[in-house]
Amino acid sequence: MRYMLVIQWPADSFGDIEDLINIEDMLIARLPQECDVDGHDMGATQANIFVRTSDVDATFAALEAVFRETAEWREMKIAYRDAAGSNYTALHPKTLQQFVVS
């Protein structure tokens, strides 16, 4: 797959890692089969779920359909990069200028 899309929240958005894993499992079930939910990580400041995709626009639309009316949507950041690259392009929120995975 050509792109790595990252969904990111502040780490304190979750009670524990199990909450993040539950969201990851839900995405595995609800995202199109063309997406590969490729894991998660949780550090002191951020929690991330990684999704490999060949179609960023379709994947973003699917994520928006899943999360649009939830608290998670308001807190999340979404960006993508070329699978072999390191520079992220921000998708959500529209005002997002910088995206870092640490």
N, C-alpha and C. Protein backbone atom coordinates (compact mmCIF):
# COMPACT_ATOMS: atom_id res chain seq x y z
N MET A 1 0.83 -1.16 0.00
CA MET A 1 0.00 0.00 0.00
C MET A 1 0.88 1.23 0.00
N ARG A 2 0.42 2.23 -0.66
CA ARG A 2 1.27 3.37 -0.95
C ARG A 2 1.40 4.38 0.18
N TYR A 3 0.40 4.49 1.07
CA TYR A 3 0.41 5.53 2.09
C TYR A 3 0.23 4.96 3.50
N MET A 4 0.78 5.68 4.46
CA MET A 4 0.53 5.42 5.87
C MET A 4 -0.28 6.59 6.40
N LEU A 5 -1.49 6.31 6.83
CA LEU A 5 -2.36 7.31 7.42
C LEU A 5 -2.32 7.11 8.94
N VAL A 6 -2.21 8.20 9.68
CA VAL A 6 -2.12 8.12 11.13
C VAL A 6 -3.27 8.90 11.75
N ILE A 7 -3.96 8.23 12.66
CA ILE A 7 -5.01 8.86 13.45
C ILE A 7 -4.42 9.08 14.83
N GLN A 8 -4.52 10.30 15.33
CA GLN A 8 -3.81 10.64 16.57
C GLN A 8 -4.73 11.39 17.53
N TRP A 9 -4.60 11.06 18.82
CA TRP A 9 -5.31 11.75 19.89
C TRP A 9 -4.32 12.10 20.99
N PRO A 10 -4.65 13.08 21.83
CA PRO A 10 -3.86 13.28 23.04
C PRO A 10 -3.96 12.00 23.88
N ALA A 11 -2.87 11.59 24.48
CA ALA A 11 -2.85 10.33 25.24
C ALA A 11 -3.86 10.34 26.38
N ASP A 12 -4.12 11.50 26.94
CA ASP A 12 -5.06 11.55 28.06
C ASP A 12 -6.53 11.47 27.61
N SER A 13 -6.76 11.23 26.32
CA SER A 13 -8.12 11.03 25.81
C SER A 13 -8.67 9.66 26.20
N PHE A 14 -7.80 8.77 26.64
CA PHE A 14 -8.17 7.39 26.93
C PHE A 14 -7.87 7.05 28.37
N GLY A 15 -8.74 6.22 28.95
CA GLY A 15 -8.50 5.75 30.30
C GLY A 15 -7.27 4.86 30.37
N ASP A 16 -7.14 4.00 29.36
CA ASP A 16 -5.97 3.11 29.28
C ASP A 16 -5.83 2.61 27.85
N ILE A 17 -4.83 1.80 27.63
CA ILE A 17 -4.52 1.29 26.28
C ILE A 17 -5.67 0.46 25.72
N GLU A 18 -6.45 -0.17 26.57
CA GLU A 18 -7.57 -0.98 26.10
C GLU A 18 -8.60 -0.15 25.33
N ASP A 19 -8.80 1.11 25.75
CA ASP A 19 -9.73 1.99 25.03
C ASP A 19 -9.24 2.21 23.60
N LEU A 20 -7.95 2.42 23.44
CA LEU A 20 -7.37 2.61 22.11
C LEU A 20 -7.49 1.33 21.29
N ILE A 21 -7.25 0.19 21.90
CA ILE A 21 -7.36 -1.09 21.20
C ILE A 21 -8.79 -1.34 20.76
N ASN A 22 -9.76 -0.94 21.58
CA ASN A 22 -11.17 -1.09 21.19
C ASN A 22 -11.49 -0.27 19.93
N ILE A 23 -10.95 0.94 19.84
CA ILE A 23 -11.15 1.75 18.64
C ILE A 23 -10.46 1.10 17.44
N GLU A 24 -9.26 0.59 17.66
CA GLU A 24 -8.55 -0.10 16.59
C GLU A 24 -9.35 -1.29 16.07
N ASP A 25 -9.90 -2.09 16.97
CA ASP A 25 -10.70 -3.25 16.57
C ASP A 25 -11.95 -2.82 15.80
N MET A 26 -12.58 -1.73 16.23
CA MET A 26 -13.75 -1.22 15.54
C MET A 26 -13.38 -0.77 14.12
N LEU A 27 -12.21 -0.15 13.96
CA LEU A 27 -11.77 0.28 12.63
C LEU A 27 -11.49 -0.92 11.73
N ILE A 28 -10.91 -1.95 12.29
CA ILE A 28 -10.65 -3.17 11.51
C ILE A 28 -11.97 -3.69 10.94
N ALA A 29 -13.02 -3.64 11.74
CA ALA A 29 -14.32 -4.14 11.31
C ALA A 29 -15.04 -3.21 10.34
N ARG A 30 -14.81 -1.90 10.45
CA ARG A 30 -15.64 -0.94 9.70
C ARG A 30 -14.97 -0.26 8.51
N LEU A 31 -13.65 -0.24 8.46
CA LEU A 31 -13.00 0.40 7.31
C LEU A 31 -13.05 -0.53 6.10
N PRO A 32 -12.98 0.03 4.89
CA PRO A 32 -12.99 -0.81 3.69
C PRO A 32 -11.85 -1.82 3.71
N GLN A 33 -12.08 -2.94 3.03
CA GLN A 33 -11.06 -4.00 3.00
C GLN A 33 -9.76 -3.54 2.36
N GLU A 34 -9.81 -2.46 1.58
CA GLU A 34 -8.60 -1.94 0.95
C GLU A 34 -7.67 -1.29 1.98
N CYS A 35 -8.15 -1.10 3.20
CA CYS A 35 -7.35 -0.51 4.27
C CYS A 35 -6.77 -1.63 5.13
N ASP A 36 -5.58 -1.39 5.64
CA ASP A 36 -4.94 -2.33 6.55
C ASP A 36 -4.63 -1.59 7.84
N VAL A 37 -5.43 -1.84 8.88
CA VAL A 37 -5.16 -1.23 10.18
C VAL A 37 -3.91 -1.93 10.71
N ASP A 38 -2.84 -1.15 10.85
CA ASP A 38 -1.50 -1.71 11.01
C ASP A 38 -0.93 -1.53 12.41
N GLY A 39 -1.79 -1.32 13.40
CA GLY A 39 -1.30 -1.26 14.77
C GLY A 39 -1.54 0.08 15.42
N HIS A 40 -1.01 0.18 16.63
CA HIS A 40 -1.21 1.37 17.45
C HIS A 40 0.01 1.58 18.33
N ASP A 41 0.10 2.76 18.90
CA ASP A 41 1.06 3.00 19.98
C ASP A 41 0.49 4.09 20.87
N MET A 42 0.95 4.08 22.10
CA MET A 42 0.49 5.07 23.07
C MET A 42 1.68 5.48 23.92
N GLY A 43 1.97 6.77 23.89
CA GLY A 43 3.05 7.30 24.70
C GLY A 43 2.52 8.25 25.75
N ALA A 44 3.40 9.05 26.29
CA ALA A 44 3.02 9.97 27.36
C ALA A 44 2.14 11.11 26.85
N THR A 45 2.31 11.50 25.58
CA THR A 45 1.58 12.66 25.07
C THR A 45 0.60 12.36 23.95
N GLN A 46 0.75 11.23 23.26
CA GLN A 46 -0.14 10.95 22.14
C GLN A 46 -0.42 9.46 21.99
N ALA A 47 -1.57 9.19 21.39
CA ALA A 47 -1.97 7.83 21.04
C ALA A 47 -2.23 7.81 19.54
N ASN A 48 -1.75 6.79 18.87
CA ASN A 48 -1.83 6.72 17.41
C ASN A 48 -2.37 5.37 16.96
N ILE A 49 -3.15 5.40 15.87
CA ILE A 49 -3.51 4.19 15.15
C ILE A 49 -3.02 4.39 13.72
N PHE A 50 -2.38 3.36 13.19
CA PHE A 50 -1.76 3.43 11.86
C PHE A 50 -2.59 2.62 10.87
N VAL A 51 -2.83 3.22 9.70
CA VAL A 51 -3.64 2.57 8.67
C VAL A 51 -2.89 2.67 7.34
N ARG A 52 -2.60 1.54 6.74
CA ARG A 52 -2.00 1.52 5.41
C ARG A 52 -3.14 1.57 4.39
N THR A 53 -2.93 2.38 3.35
CA THR A 53 -3.97 2.54 2.34
C THR A 53 -3.36 2.93 1.00
N SER A 54 -4.08 2.61 -0.05
CA SER A 54 -3.70 3.08 -1.39
C SER A 54 -4.55 4.27 -1.81
N ASP A 55 -5.61 4.55 -1.06
CA ASP A 55 -6.54 5.63 -1.41
C ASP A 55 -6.81 6.48 -0.17
N VAL A 56 -6.05 7.52 0.01
CA VAL A 56 -6.17 8.39 1.19
C VAL A 56 -7.55 9.02 1.27
N ASP A 57 -8.08 9.51 0.16
CA ASP A 57 -9.37 10.19 0.18
C ASP A 57 -10.50 9.25 0.61
N ALA A 58 -10.52 8.04 0.08
CA ALA A 58 -11.56 7.08 0.45
C ALA A 58 -11.42 6.67 1.92
N THR A 59 -10.20 6.50 2.38
CA THR A 59 -9.98 6.13 3.77
C THR A 59 -10.40 7.25 4.70
N PHE A 60 -10.06 8.48 4.36
CA PHE A 60 -10.48 9.62 5.17
C PHE A 60 -12.00 9.72 5.21
N ALA A 61 -12.66 9.55 4.08
CA ALA A 61 -14.12 9.59 4.04
C ALA A 61 -14.73 8.51 4.93
N ALA A 62 -14.15 7.33 4.91
CA ALA A 62 -14.64 6.24 5.77
C ALA A 62 -14.43 6.58 7.24
N LEU A 63 -13.29 7.15 7.58
CA LEU A 63 -13.03 7.56 8.96
C LEU A 63 -14.02 8.64 9.40
N GLU A 64 -14.27 9.58 8.52
CA GLU A 64 -15.21 10.64 8.85
C GLU A 64 -16.61 10.07 9.09
N ALA A 65 -17.01 9.10 8.27
CA ALA A 65 -18.33 8.48 8.44
C ALA A 65 -18.43 7.76 9.79
N VAL A 66 -17.35 7.14 10.22
CA VAL A 66 -17.34 6.42 11.49
C VAL A 66 -17.36 7.38 12.68
N PHE A 67 -16.58 8.45 12.62
CA PHE A 67 -16.33 9.28 13.80
C PHE A 67 -17.02 10.63 13.82
N ARG A 68 -17.58 11.11 12.74
CA ARG A 68 -18.02 12.50 12.59
C ARG A 68 -18.81 13.06 13.78
N GLU A 69 -19.70 12.31 14.35
CA GLU A 69 -20.56 12.81 15.42
C GLU A 69 -20.07 12.40 16.81
N THR A 70 -18.80 12.05 16.95
CA THR A 70 -18.28 11.56 18.23
C THR A 70 -17.29 12.54 18.85
N ALA A 71 -17.07 12.36 20.14
CA ALA A 71 -16.06 13.16 20.83
C ALA A 71 -14.67 12.86 20.27
N GLU A 72 -14.45 11.62 19.86
CA GLU A 72 -13.14 11.25 19.30
C GLU A 72 -12.79 12.10 18.08
N TRP A 73 -13.80 12.41 17.23
CA TRP A 73 -13.58 13.21 16.03
C TRP A 73 -13.06 14.60 16.38
N ARG A 74 -13.65 15.20 17.41
CA ARG A 74 -13.25 16.56 17.79
C ARG A 74 -11.83 16.60 18.35
N GLU A 75 -11.36 15.52 18.93
CA GLU A 75 -10.03 15.49 19.53
C GLU A 75 -8.95 14.97 18.59
N MET A 76 -9.34 14.26 17.55
CA MET A 76 -8.33 13.58 16.73
C MET A 76 -7.68 14.49 15.70
N LYS A 77 -6.48 14.08 15.34
CA LYS A 77 -5.75 14.64 14.21
C LYS A 77 -5.53 13.49 13.24
N ILE A 78 -5.56 13.80 11.96
CA ILE A 78 -5.31 12.77 10.94
C ILE A 78 -4.35 13.36 9.91
N ALA A 79 -3.35 12.57 9.57
CA ALA A 79 -2.38 12.96 8.55
C ALA A 79 -1.91 11.69 7.84
N TYR A 80 -1.24 11.88 6.70
CA TYR A 80 -0.70 10.74 5.98
C TYR A 80 0.66 11.10 5.40
N ARG A 81 1.39 10.06 5.05
CA ARG A 81 2.67 10.22 4.37
C ARG A 81 2.82 9.08 3.38
N ASP A 82 3.70 9.28 2.43
CA ASP A 82 4.07 8.20 1.54
C ASP A 82 4.67 7.10 2.41
N ALA A 83 4.37 5.85 2.14
CA ALA A 83 4.84 4.74 2.97
C ALA A 83 6.36 4.76 3.15
N ALA A 84 7.08 5.22 2.15
CA ALA A 84 8.54 5.26 2.24
C ALA A 84 9.05 6.61 2.70
N GLY A 85 8.15 7.56 2.94
CA GLY A 85 8.56 8.92 3.28
C GLY A 85 8.49 9.21 4.77
N SER A 86 8.73 10.46 5.09
CA SER A 86 8.69 10.87 6.50
C SER A 86 7.93 12.16 6.72
N ASN A 87 7.54 12.85 5.65
CA ASN A 87 6.81 14.11 5.77
C ASN A 87 5.31 13.88 5.68
N TYR A 88 4.61 14.37 6.70
CA TYR A 88 3.17 14.17 6.78
C TYR A 88 2.40 15.31 6.13
N THR A 89 1.27 14.97 5.53
CA THR A 89 0.31 15.93 5.00
C THR A 89 -0.92 15.85 5.89
N ALA A 90 -1.31 16.98 6.47
CA ALA A 90 -2.43 17.03 7.40
C ALA A 90 -3.76 16.93 6.65
N LEU A 91 -4.70 16.19 7.25
CA LEU A 91 -6.05 16.07 6.71
C LEU A 91 -7.12 16.64 7.65
N HIS A 92 -6.93 16.44 8.94
CA HIS A 92 -7.95 16.85 9.91
C HIS A 92 -7.27 17.21 11.23
N PRO A 93 -7.67 18.28 11.87
CA PRO A 93 -8.64 19.26 11.41
C PRO A 93 -8.06 20.12 10.28
N LYS A 94 -8.91 20.84 9.61
CA LYS A 94 -8.46 21.62 8.46
C LYS A 94 -7.43 22.68 8.84
N THR A 95 -7.43 23.09 10.10
CA THR A 95 -6.48 24.11 10.56
C THR A 95 -5.13 23.53 10.99
N LEU A 96 -4.99 22.22 10.96
CA LEU A 96 -3.76 21.56 11.39
C LEU A 96 -2.59 21.94 10.47
N GLN A 97 -1.56 22.49 11.05
CA GLN A 97 -0.40 22.94 10.29
C GLN A 97 0.78 21.98 10.39
N GLN A 98 0.92 21.33 11.54
CA GLN A 98 2.08 20.45 11.76
C GLN A 98 1.58 19.16 12.38
N PHE A 99 2.20 18.06 11.95
CA PHE A 99 1.82 16.74 12.47
C PHE A 99 3.10 15.97 12.76
N VAL A 100 3.20 15.47 13.98
CA VAL A 100 4.41 14.73 14.39
C VAL A 100 3.98 13.45 15.10
N VAL A 101 4.61 12.37 14.77
CA VAL A 101 4.43 11.11 15.50
C VAL A 101 5.69 10.92 16.33
N SER A 102 5.49 10.88 17.66
CA SER A 102 6.68 10.72 18.52
C SER A 102 6.60 9.46 19.33
